[in-house]
Amino acid sequence: MQKNLYMNIQAEKLEIMKMILETDNLSILSLIKKIFKKDTQFDFWNTLPHEQKDEILKGIEEIEKGEIVDYEEFMTKHR
């Protein structure tokens, strides 16, 4: 991560922390808490259809078995 981007993120965090510490508004605090709980509980895997999950797992299994094709080789054959 670039140093400037890292510093900007840290500055944003500090600013948000300051706002949280200064507020006595329970609804704001509840919303912030809900956002963080929702963010950590979301798993895109659970939103995928069964067929897509099967295809992904099949692909992983093929990779683990070494059943892969070099990208450049594949493209050369299909151009």
PDB file of N, CA and C in Angstrom:
ATOM      1  N   MET A   1       0.860  -1.178   0.000  1.00  0.00           N
ATOM      2  CA  MET A   1       0.000   0.000   0.000  1.00  0.00           C
ATOM      3  C   MET A   1       0.900   1.232   0.000  1.00  0.00           C
ATOM      4  N   GLN A   2       0.524   2.212  -0.775  1.00  0.00           N
ATOM      5  CA  GLN A   2       1.328   3.430  -0.829  1.00  0.00           C
ATOM      6  C   GLN A   2       1.256   4.159   0.508  1.00  0.00           C
ATOM      7  N   LYS A   3       2.365   4.803   0.845  1.00  0.00           N
ATOM      8  CA  LYS A   3       2.447   5.488   2.134  1.00  0.00           C
ATOM      9  C   LYS A   3       1.384   6.586   2.264  1.00  0.00           C
ATOM     10  N   ASN A   4       1.164   7.376   1.189  1.00  0.00           N
ATOM     11  CA  ASN A   4       0.167   8.449   1.253  1.00  0.00           C
ATOM     12  C   ASN A   4      -1.235   7.897   1.461  1.00  0.00           C
ATOM     13  N   LEU A   5      -1.552   6.812   0.769  1.00  0.00           N
ATOM     14  CA  LEU A   5      -2.864   6.205   0.924  1.00  0.00           C
ATOM     15  C   LEU A   5      -3.034   5.683   2.347  1.00  0.00           C
ATOM     16  N   TYR A   6      -1.985   5.035   2.862  1.00  0.00           N
ATOM     17  CA  TYR A   6      -2.009   4.524   4.235  1.00  0.00           C
ATOM     18  C   TYR A   6      -2.230   5.649   5.233  1.00  0.00           C
ATOM     19  N   MET A   7      -1.529   6.766   5.020  1.00  0.00           N
ATOM     20  CA  MET A   7      -1.667   7.905   5.927  1.00  0.00           C
ATOM     21  C   MET A   7      -3.075   8.492   5.847  1.00  0.00           C
ATOM     22  N   ASN A   8      -3.650   8.554   4.647  1.00  0.00           N
ATOM     23  CA  ASN A   8      -5.009   9.080   4.492  1.00  0.00           C
ATOM     24  C   ASN A   8      -6.021   8.189   5.204  1.00  0.00           C
ATOM     25  N   ILE A   9      -5.829   6.884   5.088  1.00  0.00           N
ATOM     26  CA  ILE A   9      -6.736   5.955   5.761  1.00  0.00           C
ATOM     27  C   ILE A   9      -6.630   6.127   7.273  1.00  0.00           C
ATOM     28  N   GLN A  10      -5.421   6.248   7.763  1.00  0.00           N
ATOM     29  CA  GLN A  10      -5.223   6.420   9.209  1.00  0.00           C
ATOM     30  C   GLN A  10      -5.857   7.727   9.689  1.00  0.00           C
ATOM     31  N   ALA A  11      -5.718   8.772   8.909  1.00  0.00           N
ATOM     32  CA  ALA A  11      -6.322  10.070   9.265  1.00  0.00           C
ATOM     33  C   ALA A  11      -7.844   9.949   9.301  1.00  0.00           C
ATOM     34  N   GLU A  12      -8.414   9.236   8.335  1.00  0.00           N
ATOM     35  CA  GLU A  12      -9.871   9.031   8.304  1.00  0.00           C
ATOM     36  C   GLU A  12     -10.322   8.252   9.536  1.00  0.00           C
ATOM     37  N   LYS A  13      -9.585   7.214   9.892  1.00  0.00           N
ATOM     38  CA  LYS A  13      -9.931   6.427  11.074  1.00  0.00           C
ATOM     39  C   LYS A  13      -9.919   7.285  12.330  1.00  0.00           C
ATOM     40  N   LEU A  14      -8.898   8.097  12.457  1.00  0.00           N
ATOM     41  CA  LEU A  14      -8.801   8.961  13.638  1.00  0.00           C
ATOM     42  C   LEU A  14      -9.961   9.955  13.697  1.00  0.00           C
ATOM     43  N   GLU A  15     -10.309  10.495  12.548  1.00  0.00           N
ATOM     44  CA  GLU A  15     -11.417  11.451  12.499  1.00  0.00           C
ATOM     45  C   GLU A  15     -12.735  10.774  12.882  1.00  0.00           C
ATOM     46  N   ILE A  16     -12.945   9.569  12.382  1.00  0.00           N
ATOM     47  CA  ILE A  16     -14.165   8.832  12.717  1.00  0.00           C
ATOM     48  C   ILE A  16     -14.187   8.462  14.197  1.00  0.00           C
ATOM     49  N   MET A  17     -13.055   8.017  14.715  1.00  0.00           N
ATOM     50  CA  MET A  17     -12.981   7.685  16.145  1.00  0.00           C
ATOM     51  C   MET A  17     -13.310   8.896  17.004  1.00  0.00           C
ATOM     52  N   LYS A  18     -12.804  10.053  16.609  1.00  0.00           N
ATOM     53  CA  LYS A  18     -13.072  11.284  17.365  1.00  0.00           C
ATOM     54  C   LYS A  18     -14.579  11.588  17.361  1.00  0.00           C
ATOM     55  N   MET A  19     -15.200  11.439  16.202  1.00  0.00           N
ATOM     56  CA  MET A  19     -16.646  11.697  16.115  1.00  0.00           C
ATOM     57  C   MET A  19     -17.431  10.714  16.973  1.00  0.00           C
ATOM     58  N   ILE A  20     -17.019   9.451  16.962  1.00  0.00           N
ATOM     59  CA  ILE A  20     -17.698   8.434  17.765  1.00  0.00           C
ATOM     60  C   ILE A  20     -17.566   8.763  19.256  1.00  0.00           C
ATOM     61  N   LEU A  21     -16.369   9.116  19.665  1.00  0.00           N
ATOM     62  CA  LEU A  21     -16.147   9.423  21.081  1.00  0.00           C
ATOM     63  C   LEU A  21     -16.908  10.661  21.547  1.00  0.00           C
ATOM     64  N   GLU A  22     -17.133  11.590  20.644  1.00  0.00           N
ATOM     65  CA  GLU A  22     -17.796  12.845  21.013  1.00  0.00           C
ATOM     66  C   GLU A  22     -19.317  12.779  20.958  1.00  0.00           C
ATOM     67  N   THR A  23     -19.879  11.727  20.327  1.00  0.00           N
ATOM     68  CA  THR A  23     -21.334  11.690  20.202  1.00  0.00           C
ATOM     69  C   THR A  23     -21.986  10.985  21.386  1.00  0.00           C
ATOM     70  N   ASP A  24     -23.174  11.465  21.713  1.00  0.00           N
ATOM     71  CA  ASP A  24     -24.011  10.811  22.713  1.00  0.00           C
ATOM     72  C   ASP A  24     -25.292  10.289  22.053  1.00  0.00           C
ATOM     73  N   ASN A  25     -25.295  10.300  20.724  1.00  0.00           N
ATOM     74  CA  ASN A  25     -26.463   9.865  19.974  1.00  0.00           C
ATOM     75  C   ASN A  25     -26.435   8.338  19.834  1.00  0.00           C
ATOM     76  N   LEU A  26     -27.302   7.672  20.571  1.00  0.00           N
ATOM     77  CA  LEU A  26     -27.333   6.210  20.601  1.00  0.00           C
ATOM     78  C   LEU A  26     -27.692   5.621  19.237  1.00  0.00           C
ATOM     79  N   SER A  27     -28.552   6.301  18.480  1.00  0.00           N
ATOM     80  CA  SER A  27     -28.938   5.745  17.178  1.00  0.00           C
ATOM     81  C   SER A  27     -27.750   5.730  16.205  1.00  0.00           C
ATOM     82  N   ILE A  28     -26.906   6.748  16.265  1.00  0.00           N
ATOM     83  CA  ILE A  28     -25.705   6.775  15.421  1.00  0.00           C
ATOM     84  C   ILE A  28     -24.769   5.645  15.816  1.00  0.00           C
ATOM     85  N   LEU A  29     -24.549   5.477  17.107  1.00  0.00           N
ATOM     86  CA  LEU A  29     -23.674   4.410  17.585  1.00  0.00           C
ATOM     87  C   LEU A  29     -24.218   3.033  17.214  1.00  0.00           C
ATOM     88  N   SER A  30     -25.533   2.865  17.304  1.00  0.00           N
ATOM     89  CA  SER A  30     -26.155   1.589  16.937  1.00  0.00           C
ATOM     90  C   SER A  30     -25.976   1.297  15.445  1.00  0.00           C
ATOM     91  N   LEU A  31     -26.127   2.340  14.615  1.00  0.00           N
ATOM     92  CA  LEU A  31     -25.942   2.160  13.178  1.00  0.00           C
ATOM     93  C   LEU A  31     -24.507   1.774  12.832  1.00  0.00           C
ATOM     94  N   ILE A  32     -23.569   2.418  13.478  1.00  0.00           N
ATOM     95  CA  ILE A  32     -22.148   2.104  13.237  1.00  0.00           C
ATOM     96  C   ILE A  32     -21.872   0.658  13.639  1.00  0.00           C
ATOM     97  N   LYS A  33     -22.384   0.257  14.771  1.00  0.00           N
ATOM     98  CA  LYS A  33     -22.188  -1.110  15.240  1.00  0.00           C
ATOM     99  C   LYS A  33     -22.812  -2.110  14.270  1.00  0.00           C
ATOM    100  N   LYS A  34     -23.996  -1.789  13.780  1.00  0.00           N
ATOM    101  CA  LYS A  34     -24.687  -2.666  12.832  1.00  0.00           C
ATOM    102  C   LYS A  34     -23.894  -2.792  11.528  1.00  0.00           C
ATOM    103  N   ILE A  35     -23.315  -1.706  11.065  1.00  0.00           N
ATOM    104  CA  ILE A  35     -22.504  -1.729   9.843  1.00  0.00           C
ATOM    105  C   ILE A  35     -21.337  -2.698  10.001  1.00  0.00           C
ATOM    106  N   PHE A  36     -20.640  -2.610  11.120  1.00  0.00           N
ATOM    107  CA  PHE A  36     -19.487  -3.478  11.337  1.00  0.00           C
ATOM    108  C   PHE A  36     -19.893  -4.937  11.512  1.00  0.00           C
ATOM    109  N   LYS A  37     -20.989  -5.186  12.182  1.00  0.00           N
ATOM    110  CA  LYS A  37     -21.457  -6.566  12.332  1.00  0.00           C
ATOM    111  C   LYS A  37     -21.844  -7.148  10.983  1.00  0.00           C
ATOM    112  N   LYS A  38     -22.544  -6.371  10.184  1.00  0.00           N
ATOM    113  CA  LYS A  38     -22.976  -6.843   8.866  1.00  0.00           C
ATOM    114  C   LYS A  38     -21.767  -7.095   7.979  1.00  0.00           C
ATOM    115  N   ASP A  39     -20.777  -6.220   8.041  1.00  0.00           N
ATOM    116  CA  ASP A  39     -19.577  -6.347   7.209  1.00  0.00           C
ATOM    117  C   ASP A  39     -18.822  -7.630   7.524  1.00  0.00           C
ATOM    118  N   THR A  40     -18.732  -8.008   8.772  1.00  0.00           N
ATOM    119  CA  THR A  40     -17.972  -9.200   9.139  1.00  0.00           C
ATOM    120  C   THR A  40     -18.777 -10.474   8.951  1.00  0.00           C
ATOM    121  N   GLN A  41     -20.077 -10.376   8.846  1.00  0.00           N
ATOM    122  CA  GLN A  41     -20.920 -11.564   8.704  1.00  0.00           C
ATOM    123  C   GLN A  41     -21.204 -11.915   7.251  1.00  0.00           C
ATOM    124  N   PHE A  42     -20.936 -11.019   6.314  1.00  0.00           N
ATOM    125  CA  PHE A  42     -21.261 -11.269   4.912  1.00  0.00           C
ATOM    126  C   PHE A  42     -20.275 -12.241   4.291  1.00  0.00           C
ATOM    127  N   ASP A  43     -20.790 -13.244   3.625  1.00  0.00           N
ATOM    128  CA  ASP A  43     -19.960 -14.195   2.893  1.00  0.00           C
ATOM    129  C   ASP A  43     -20.611 -14.403   1.530  1.00  0.00           C
ATOM    130  N   PHE A  44     -19.954 -13.905   0.480  1.00  0.00           N
ATOM    131  CA  PHE A  44     -20.544 -13.981  -0.852  1.00  0.00           C
ATOM    132  C   PHE A  44     -20.831 -15.424  -1.268  1.00  0.00           C
ATOM    133  N   TRP A  45     -20.075 -16.371  -0.732  1.00  0.00           N
ATOM    134  CA  TRP A  45     -20.256 -17.779  -1.089  1.00  0.00           C
ATOM    135  C   TRP A  45     -21.710 -18.198  -0.855  1.00  0.00           C
ATOM    136  N   ASN A  46     -22.298 -17.695   0.212  1.00  0.00           N
ATOM    137  CA  ASN A  46     -23.681 -18.057   0.538  1.00  0.00           C
ATOM    138  C   ASN A  46     -24.692 -17.488  -0.451  1.00  0.00           C
ATOM    139  N   THR A  47     -24.291 -16.523  -1.259  1.00  0.00           N
ATOM    140  CA  THR A  47     -25.220 -15.923  -2.221  1.00  0.00           C
ATOM    141  C   THR A  47     -25.159 -16.602  -3.592  1.00  0.00           C
ATOM    142  N   LEU A  48     -24.162 -17.475  -3.790  1.00  0.00           N
ATOM    143  CA  LEU A  48     -23.995 -18.119  -5.092  1.00  0.00           C
ATOM    144  C   LEU A  48     -24.966 -19.281  -5.265  1.00  0.00           C
ATOM    145  N   PRO A  49     -25.451 -19.468  -6.497  1.00  0.00           N
ATOM    146  CA  PRO A  49     -26.289 -20.649  -6.766  1.00  0.00           C
ATOM    147  C   PRO A  49     -25.459 -21.928  -6.636  1.00  0.00           C
ATOM    148  N   HIS A  50     -26.117 -23.027  -6.346  1.00  0.00           N
ATOM    149  CA  HIS A  50     -25.461 -24.316  -6.151  1.00  0.00           C
ATOM    150  C   HIS A  50     -24.601 -24.703  -7.356  1.00  0.00           C
ATOM    151  N   GLU A  51     -25.080 -24.423  -8.571  1.00  0.00           N
ATOM    152  CA  GLU A  51     -24.345 -24.777  -9.786  1.00  0.00           C
ATOM    153  C   GLU A  51     -23.004 -24.040  -9.860  1.00  0.00           C
ATOM    154  N   GLN A  52     -22.992 -22.761  -9.494  1.00  0.00           N
ATOM    155  CA  GLN A  52     -21.750 -21.990  -9.516  1.00  0.00           C
ATOM    156  C   GLN A  52     -20.769 -22.495  -8.466  1.00  0.00           C
ATOM    157  N   LYS A  53     -21.280 -22.834  -7.298  1.00  0.00           N
ATOM    158  CA  LYS A  53     -20.413 -23.389  -6.263  1.00  0.00           C
ATOM    159  C   LYS A  53     -19.755 -24.675  -6.753  1.00  0.00           C
ATOM    160  N   ASP A  54     -20.551 -25.544  -7.395  1.00  0.00           N
ATOM    161  CA  ASP A  54     -20.010 -26.798  -7.918  1.00  0.00           C
ATOM    162  C   ASP A  54     -18.913 -26.554  -8.941  1.00  0.00           C
ATOM    163  N   GLU A  55     -19.116 -25.594  -9.838  1.00  0.00           N
ATOM    164  CA  GLU A  55     -18.112 -25.281 -10.859  1.00  0.00           C
ATOM    165  C   GLU A  55     -16.831 -24.737 -10.243  1.00  0.00           C
ATOM    166  N   ILE A  56     -16.962 -23.891  -9.252  1.00  0.00           N
ATOM    167  CA  ILE A  56     -15.788 -23.330  -8.577  1.00  0.00           C
ATOM    168  C   ILE A  56     -15.013 -24.439  -7.872  1.00  0.00           C
ATOM    169  N   LEU A  57     -15.726 -25.298  -7.153  1.00  0.00           N
ATOM    170  CA  LEU A  57     -15.065 -26.394  -6.444  1.00  0.00           C
ATOM    171  C   LEU A  57     -14.404 -27.365  -7.423  1.00  0.00           C
ATOM    172  N   LYS A  58     -15.055 -27.598  -8.549  1.00  0.00           N
ATOM    173  CA  LYS A  58     -14.473 -28.459  -9.590  1.00  0.00           C
ATOM    174  C   LYS A  58     -13.183 -27.841 -10.122  1.00  0.00           C
ATOM    175  N   GLY A  59     -13.181 -26.547 -10.363  1.00  0.00           N
ATOM    176  CA  GLY A  59     -11.997 -25.847 -10.842  1.00  0.00           C
ATOM    177  C   GLY A  59     -10.851 -25.915  -9.845  1.00  0.00           C
ATOM    178  N   ILE A  60     -11.154 -25.748  -8.584  1.00  0.00           N
ATOM    179  CA  ILE A  60     -10.129 -25.839  -7.535  1.00  0.00           C
ATOM    180  C   ILE A  60      -9.539 -27.250  -7.498  1.00  0.00           C
ATOM    181  N   GLU A  61     -10.406 -28.225  -7.606  1.00  0.00           N
ATOM    182  CA  GLU A  61      -9.950 -29.623  -7.610  1.00  0.00           C
ATOM    183  C   GLU A  61      -9.028 -29.898  -8.801  1.00  0.00           C
ATOM    184  N   GLU A  62      -9.386 -29.375  -9.976  1.00  0.00           N
ATOM    185  CA  GLU A  62      -8.552 -29.559 -11.168  1.00  0.00           C
ATOM    186  C   GLU A  62      -7.184 -28.898 -10.982  1.00  0.00           C
ATOM    187  N   ILE A  63      -7.163 -27.724 -10.406  1.00  0.00           N
ATOM    188  CA  ILE A  63      -5.897 -27.026 -10.149  1.00  0.00           C
ATOM    189  C   ILE A  63      -5.033 -27.840  -9.196  1.00  0.00           C
ATOM    190  N   GLU A  64      -5.649 -28.355  -8.137  1.00  0.00           N
ATOM    191  CA  GLU A  64      -4.899 -29.149  -7.155  1.00  0.00           C
ATOM    192  C   GLU A  64      -4.323 -30.422  -7.774  1.00  0.00           C
ATOM    193  N   LYS A  65      -4.997 -30.972  -8.792  1.00  0.00           N
ATOM    194  CA  LYS A  65      -4.520 -32.171  -9.477  1.00  0.00           C
ATOM    195  C   LYS A  65      -3.501 -31.840 -10.565  1.00  0.00           C
ATOM    196  N   GLY A  66      -3.291 -30.537 -10.797  1.00  0.00           N
ATOM    197  CA  GLY A  66      -2.343 -30.130 -11.833  1.00  0.00           C
ATOM    198  C   GLY A  66      -2.945 -30.109 -13.221  1.00  0.00           C
ATOM    199  N   GLU A  67      -4.239 -30.207 -13.316  1.00  0.00           N
ATOM    200  CA  GLU A  67      -4.943 -30.210 -14.603  1.00  0.00           C
ATOM    201  C   GLU A  67      -5.180 -28.769 -15.055  1.00  0.00           C
ATOM    202  N   ILE A  68      -4.105 -28.122 -15.466  1.00  0.00           N
ATOM    203  CA  ILE A  68      -4.180 -26.728 -15.890  1.00  0.00           C
ATOM    204  C   ILE A  68      -3.610 -26.576 -17.285  1.00  0.00           C
ATOM    205  N   VAL A  69      -3.965 -25.491 -17.950  1.00  0.00           N
ATOM    206  CA  VAL A  69      -3.469 -25.175 -19.282  1.00  0.00           C
ATOM    207  C   VAL A  69      -2.813 -23.806 -19.208  1.00  0.00           C
ATOM    208  N   ASP A  70      -1.646 -23.690 -19.793  1.00  0.00           N
ATOM    209  CA  ASP A  70      -0.947 -22.421 -19.847  1.00  0.00           C
ATOM    210  C   ASP A  70      -1.777 -21.419 -20.667  1.00  0.00           C
ATOM    211  N   TYR A  71      -1.950 -20.239 -20.135  1.00  0.00           N
ATOM    212  CA  TYR A  71      -2.772 -19.218 -20.789  1.00  0.00           C
ATOM    213  C   TYR A  71      -2.270 -18.889 -22.193  1.00  0.00           C
ATOM    214  N   GLU A  72      -0.978 -18.639 -22.333  1.00  0.00           N
ATOM    215  CA  GLU A  72      -0.423 -18.270 -23.643  1.00  0.00           C
ATOM    216  C   GLU A  72      -0.595 -19.402 -24.646  1.00  0.00           C
ATOM    217  N   GLU A  73      -0.374 -20.635 -24.206  1.00  0.00           N
ATOM    218  CA  GLU A  73      -0.539 -21.802 -25.070  1.00  0.00           C
ATOM    219  C   GLU A  73      -1.995 -21.908 -25.538  1.00  0.00           C
ATOM    220  N   PHE A  74      -2.914 -21.712 -24.629  1.00  0.00           N
ATOM    221  CA  PHE A  74      -4.342 -21.768 -24.949  1.00  0.00           C
ATOM    222  C   PHE A  74      -4.706 -20.680 -25.967  1.00  0.00           C
ATOM    223  N   MET A  75      -4.226 -19.477 -25.730  1.00  0.00           N
ATOM    224  CA  MET A  75      -4.549 -18.356 -26.621  1.00  0.00           C
ATOM    225  C   MET A  75      -3.938 -18.564 -28.018  1.00  0.00           C
ATOM    226  N   THR A  76      -2.741 -19.114 -28.078  1.00  0.00           N
ATOM    227  CA  THR A  76      -2.095 -19.365 -29.375  1.00  0.00           C
ATOM    228  C   THR A  76      -2.938 -20.340 -30.205  1.00  0.00           C
ATOM    229  N   LYS A  77      -3.463 -21.346 -29.581  1.00  0.00           N
ATOM    230  CA  LYS A  77      -4.273 -22.347 -30.283  1.00  0.00           C
ATOM    231  C   LYS A  77      -5.621 -21.791 -30.740  1.00  0.00           C
ATOM    232  N   HIS A  78      -6.140 -20.797 -30.052  1.00  0.00           N
ATOM    233  CA  HIS A  78      -7.501 -20.312 -30.320  1.00  0.00           C
ATOM    234  C   HIS A  78      -7.560 -18.935 -30.969  1.00  0.00           C
ATOM    235  N   ARG A  79      -6.447 -18.468 -31.485  1.00  0.00           N
ATOM    236  CA  ARG A  79      -6.458 -17.160 -32.149  1.00  0.00           C
ATOM    237  C   ARG A  79      -6.748 -17.335 -33.605  1.00  0.00           C
TER     238      ARG A  79
END
